[in-house]
Every structure is written in structure tokens, then in C-alpha cells.
């Protein structure tokens, strides 16, 4: 079974960010015998559980997206970042 793993490289865990900040990272592919990764089709980033979801810019296996901390998040609090990725592979 093929697996596409998403990694967030920036910001680092517990790093302080401003109201608007850049999230960036990459993906890795783990496939079975004869399975090869073709391309990363799309990545979306959600800024907070009730925050906006934005499409990321994809470059090869990397991606980045700028978003805004939801107004419901108090200053100094943690922000949950959710990233979803879709790719194409061949078996």
C-alpha cells in the first residue's frame, strides 16, 4: 500500500508567529514494489480548527502557503495547522 507523508518544516513547533505567517514543508512517498511517485497534485492548509483553508503553492515535492491566525485564537496561544496533500503514483 502506498503512503504519502506530509511534513511541516516551518514554522517549527511552538515557534512564535505573527498574525500572518508562512507555512512550508514537503512530502515523502513510500510505495510497494513497482510503485513510483509521479507528482504532488495539490496541498491545502487550514489555519486553526475554525480557520480558513487555503491552497498551497506546490513546487516539486515542496509546498508553501501564507495564512492568518483566526481572530478567535488569543495572542500567545497555539494554532493548530492542518495540511492535506494529494498526489499521483503509478503501480
N, C-alpha and C. Protein backbone atom coordinates (compact mmCIF):
# COMPACT_ATOMS: atom_id res chain seq x y z
N UNK A 1 0.84 -1.18 0.00
CA UNK A 1 0.00 0.00 0.00
C UNK A 1 0.88 1.24 0.00
N UNK A 2 0.54 2.21 -0.82
CA UNK A 2 1.32 3.44 -0.94
C UNK A 2 0.91 4.44 0.15
N UNK A 3 1.91 5.20 0.63
CA UNK A 3 1.68 6.20 1.65
C UNK A 3 2.35 7.50 1.25
N UNK A 4 1.62 8.61 1.34
CA UNK A 4 2.15 9.94 1.11
C UNK A 4 2.18 10.64 2.46
N UNK A 5 3.37 10.99 2.94
CA UNK A 5 3.53 11.61 4.26
C UNK A 5 3.82 13.10 4.09
N UNK A 6 3.09 13.92 4.83
CA UNK A 6 3.26 15.37 4.79
C UNK A 6 4.12 15.80 5.97
N UNK A 7 5.10 16.68 5.70
CA UNK A 7 5.94 17.22 6.76
C UNK A 7 5.86 18.74 6.72
N UNK A 8 5.72 19.34 7.91
CA UNK A 8 5.77 20.80 8.06
C UNK A 8 7.17 21.16 8.51
N UNK A 9 7.90 21.94 7.71
CA UNK A 9 9.25 22.36 8.06
C UNK A 9 9.27 23.72 8.75
N UNK A 10 8.28 24.55 8.45
CA UNK A 10 8.23 25.89 9.01
C UNK A 10 6.77 26.30 9.14
N UNK A 11 6.36 26.85 10.27
CA UNK A 11 7.17 27.15 11.44
C UNK A 11 7.48 25.89 12.26
N UNK A 12 8.47 25.98 13.10
CA UNK A 12 8.82 24.89 13.99
C UNK A 12 7.78 24.80 15.11
N UNK A 13 7.63 23.63 15.76
CA UNK A 13 6.69 23.51 16.88
C UNK A 13 6.97 24.58 17.95
N UNK A 14 5.93 25.21 18.42
CA UNK A 14 5.97 26.23 19.47
C UNK A 14 6.69 27.52 19.06
N UNK A 15 6.98 27.68 17.76
CA UNK A 15 7.60 28.93 17.29
C UNK A 15 6.56 30.05 17.32
N UNK A 16 6.98 31.24 17.75
CA UNK A 16 6.09 32.39 17.75
C UNK A 16 5.92 32.89 16.32
N UNK A 17 4.68 33.18 15.95
CA UNK A 17 4.38 33.69 14.61
C UNK A 17 3.53 34.95 14.75
N UNK A 18 3.51 35.74 13.69
CA UNK A 18 2.64 36.91 13.66
C UNK A 18 1.24 36.53 13.24
N UNK A 19 0.40 37.55 13.07
CA UNK A 19 -0.98 37.29 12.65
C UNK A 19 -1.03 36.61 11.29
N UNK A 20 -0.14 36.98 10.38
CA UNK A 20 0.00 36.34 9.07
C UNK A 20 1.34 35.63 9.06
N UNK A 21 1.35 34.37 8.61
CA UNK A 21 2.61 33.64 8.61
C UNK A 21 2.65 32.60 7.51
N UNK A 22 3.87 32.23 7.14
CA UNK A 22 4.12 31.26 6.08
C UNK A 22 4.28 29.88 6.68
N UNK A 23 3.59 28.91 6.10
CA UNK A 23 3.75 27.50 6.45
C UNK A 23 4.36 26.82 5.24
N UNK A 24 5.39 26.02 5.46
CA UNK A 24 6.02 25.34 4.34
C UNK A 24 6.50 23.97 4.72
N UNK A 25 6.65 23.11 3.74
CA UNK A 25 7.12 21.76 4.01
C UNK A 25 7.28 20.97 2.74
N UNK A 26 7.15 19.66 2.88
CA UNK A 26 7.32 18.77 1.76
C UNK A 26 6.57 17.47 2.00
N UNK A 27 6.68 16.57 1.05
CA UNK A 27 6.06 15.26 1.17
C UNK A 27 7.08 14.18 0.83
N UNK A 28 6.85 13.00 1.38
CA UNK A 28 7.64 11.83 1.01
C UNK A 28 6.66 10.72 0.61
N UNK A 29 7.11 9.87 -0.27
CA UNK A 29 6.28 8.79 -0.79
C UNK A 29 6.93 7.46 -0.43
N UNK A 30 6.12 6.55 0.10
CA UNK A 30 6.56 5.19 0.40
C UNK A 30 5.63 4.26 -0.35
N UNK A 31 6.16 3.59 -1.36
CA UNK A 31 5.33 2.70 -2.15
C UNK A 31 5.81 1.27 -2.08
N UNK A 32 5.00 0.39 -2.57
CA UNK A 32 5.35 -1.02 -2.63
C UNK A 32 6.20 -1.30 -3.87
N UNK A 33 6.47 -2.54 -4.10
CA UNK A 33 7.27 -2.96 -5.24
C UNK A 33 6.63 -2.49 -6.54
N UNK A 34 7.40 -1.77 -7.34
CA UNK A 34 6.92 -1.29 -8.63
C UNK A 34 6.09 -0.03 -8.59
N UNK A 35 5.83 0.53 -7.41
CA UNK A 35 5.05 1.76 -7.30
C UNK A 35 5.99 2.96 -7.32
N UNK A 36 5.72 3.92 -8.19
CA UNK A 36 6.55 5.12 -8.29
C UNK A 36 5.67 6.36 -8.19
N UNK A 37 6.22 7.37 -7.55
CA UNK A 37 5.51 8.63 -7.35
C UNK A 37 5.66 9.49 -8.59
N UNK A 38 4.54 10.00 -9.12
CA UNK A 38 4.58 10.84 -10.32
C UNK A 38 4.62 12.33 -9.99
N UNK A 39 3.66 12.78 -9.18
CA UNK A 39 3.64 14.20 -8.86
C UNK A 39 2.73 14.50 -7.67
N UNK A 40 3.02 15.63 -7.06
CA UNK A 40 2.18 16.17 -6.00
C UNK A 40 1.14 17.05 -6.67
N UNK A 41 -0.12 16.67 -6.59
CA UNK A 41 -1.19 17.39 -7.28
C UNK A 41 -1.64 18.64 -6.56
N UNK A 42 -1.88 18.52 -5.26
CA UNK A 42 -2.41 19.66 -4.52
C UNK A 42 -2.10 19.53 -3.03
N UNK A 43 -2.04 20.69 -2.38
CA UNK A 43 -1.87 20.76 -0.93
C UNK A 43 -2.78 21.88 -0.44
N UNK A 44 -3.51 21.62 0.65
CA UNK A 44 -4.30 22.67 1.30
C UNK A 44 -3.85 22.78 2.75
N UNK A 45 -3.94 23.99 3.27
CA UNK A 45 -3.53 24.27 4.66
C UNK A 45 -4.68 24.96 5.36
N UNK A 46 -5.04 24.42 6.54
CA UNK A 46 -6.07 25.05 7.37
C UNK A 46 -5.40 25.67 8.58
N UNK A 47 -5.71 26.94 8.83
CA UNK A 47 -5.12 27.71 9.91
C UNK A 47 -6.09 27.76 11.09
N UNK A 48 -5.96 26.80 12.02
CA UNK A 48 -6.86 26.71 13.17
C UNK A 48 -8.07 25.86 12.84
N UNK A 49 -8.68 25.21 13.86
CA UNK A 49 -9.81 24.32 13.63
C UNK A 49 -10.99 25.01 12.95
N UNK A 50 -11.18 26.30 13.22
CA UNK A 50 -12.29 27.02 12.59
C UNK A 50 -11.76 28.06 11.59
N UNK A 51 -10.46 27.98 11.31
CA UNK A 51 -9.85 28.96 10.42
C UNK A 51 -10.04 28.63 8.95
N UNK A 52 -9.53 29.52 8.13
CA UNK A 52 -9.68 29.37 6.69
C UNK A 52 -8.76 28.26 6.17
N UNK A 53 -9.19 27.65 5.07
CA UNK A 53 -8.38 26.66 4.36
C UNK A 53 -7.95 27.28 3.05
N UNK A 54 -6.63 27.22 2.79
CA UNK A 54 -6.09 27.85 1.58
C UNK A 54 -5.29 26.86 0.78
N UNK A 55 -5.28 27.03 -0.54
CA UNK A 55 -4.42 26.18 -1.37
C UNK A 55 -2.96 26.62 -1.23
N UNK A 56 -2.07 25.66 -1.19
CA UNK A 56 -0.64 25.96 -1.11
C UNK A 56 -0.06 25.99 -2.52
N UNK A 57 1.05 26.69 -2.66
CA UNK A 57 1.83 26.66 -3.89
C UNK A 57 2.70 25.42 -3.85
N UNK A 58 2.64 24.61 -4.89
CA UNK A 58 3.40 23.35 -4.95
C UNK A 58 4.57 23.53 -5.91
N UNK A 59 5.75 23.07 -5.47
CA UNK A 59 6.95 23.10 -6.31
C UNK A 59 7.68 21.77 -6.13
N UNK A 60 7.50 20.86 -7.09
CA UNK A 60 8.09 19.53 -6.95
C UNK A 60 7.44 18.79 -5.80
N UNK A 61 8.25 18.42 -4.80
CA UNK A 61 7.72 17.75 -3.61
C UNK A 61 7.53 18.72 -2.45
N UNK A 62 7.81 20.01 -2.68
CA UNK A 62 7.66 21.02 -1.64
C UNK A 62 6.40 21.84 -1.83
N UNK A 63 6.01 22.54 -0.79
CA UNK A 63 4.81 23.37 -0.82
C UNK A 63 4.96 24.50 0.19
N UNK A 64 4.20 25.58 -0.01
CA UNK A 64 4.16 26.67 0.96
C UNK A 64 2.85 27.43 0.83
N UNK A 65 2.45 28.04 1.94
CA UNK A 65 1.17 28.74 1.98
C UNK A 65 1.22 29.79 3.08
N UNK A 66 0.69 30.98 2.79
CA UNK A 66 0.60 32.04 3.79
C UNK A 66 -0.85 32.16 4.24
N UNK A 67 -1.03 32.23 5.55
CA UNK A 67 -2.37 32.34 6.09
C UNK A 67 -2.41 33.23 7.31
N UNK A 68 -3.58 33.36 7.88
CA UNK A 68 -3.83 34.26 9.00
C UNK A 68 -4.34 33.48 10.21
N UNK A 69 -3.82 33.83 11.38
CA UNK A 69 -4.30 33.23 12.63
C UNK A 69 -5.75 33.68 12.82
N UNK A 70 -6.67 32.74 13.09
CA UNK A 70 -8.07 33.13 13.29
C UNK A 70 -8.21 34.11 14.46
N UNK A 71 -9.14 35.03 14.34
CA UNK A 71 -9.34 36.04 15.38
C UNK A 71 -9.80 35.43 16.70
N UNK A 72 -10.29 34.19 16.66
CA UNK A 72 -10.75 33.51 17.88
C UNK A 72 -9.60 32.96 18.71
N UNK A 73 -8.38 32.97 18.17
CA UNK A 73 -7.21 32.45 18.89
C UNK A 73 -6.60 33.59 19.70
N UNK A 74 -6.54 33.45 21.04
CA UNK A 74 -5.96 34.51 21.87
C UNK A 74 -4.46 34.66 21.59
N UNK A 75 -3.93 35.89 21.68
CA UNK A 75 -2.49 36.10 21.49
C UNK A 75 -1.69 35.20 22.44
N UNK A 76 -0.61 34.62 21.90
CA UNK A 76 0.26 33.75 22.70
C UNK A 76 -0.20 32.31 22.77
N UNK A 77 -1.34 32.00 22.16
CA UNK A 77 -1.85 30.63 22.17
C UNK A 77 -1.31 29.84 20.99
N UNK A 78 -1.41 28.52 21.09
CA UNK A 78 -1.02 27.64 19.98
C UNK A 78 -2.07 27.69 18.88
N UNK A 79 -1.62 27.48 17.65
CA UNK A 79 -2.51 27.42 16.50
C UNK A 79 -2.34 26.05 15.85
N UNK A 80 -3.44 25.33 15.68
CA UNK A 80 -3.41 24.03 15.02
C UNK A 80 -3.35 24.24 13.52
N UNK A 81 -2.33 23.68 12.87
CA UNK A 81 -2.19 23.76 11.42
C UNK A 81 -2.49 22.38 10.86
N UNK A 82 -3.44 22.29 9.94
CA UNK A 82 -3.79 21.01 9.31
C UNK A 82 -3.43 21.10 7.82
N UNK A 83 -2.64 20.13 7.36
CA UNK A 83 -2.22 20.10 5.96
C UNK A 83 -2.72 18.81 5.32
N UNK A 84 -3.32 18.94 4.14
CA UNK A 84 -3.76 17.78 3.37
C UNK A 84 -3.11 17.84 2.00
N UNK A 85 -2.64 16.69 1.54
CA UNK A 85 -1.96 16.62 0.24
C UNK A 85 -2.53 15.48 -0.59
N UNK A 86 -2.51 15.68 -1.90
CA UNK A 86 -2.94 14.64 -2.85
C UNK A 86 -1.88 14.52 -3.93
N UNK A 87 -1.55 13.30 -4.26
CA UNK A 87 -0.54 13.04 -5.29
C UNK A 87 -0.96 11.92 -6.21
N UNK A 88 -0.16 11.75 -7.24
CA UNK A 88 -0.42 10.72 -8.23
C UNK A 88 0.77 9.76 -8.26
N UNK A 89 0.48 8.47 -8.19
CA UNK A 89 1.54 7.48 -8.29
C UNK A 89 1.13 6.39 -9.27
N UNK A 90 2.11 5.63 -9.70
CA UNK A 90 1.87 4.58 -10.69
C UNK A 90 2.30 3.25 -10.09
N UNK A 91 1.53 2.22 -10.37
CA UNK A 91 1.90 0.89 -9.89
C UNK A 91 2.15 -0.04 -11.06
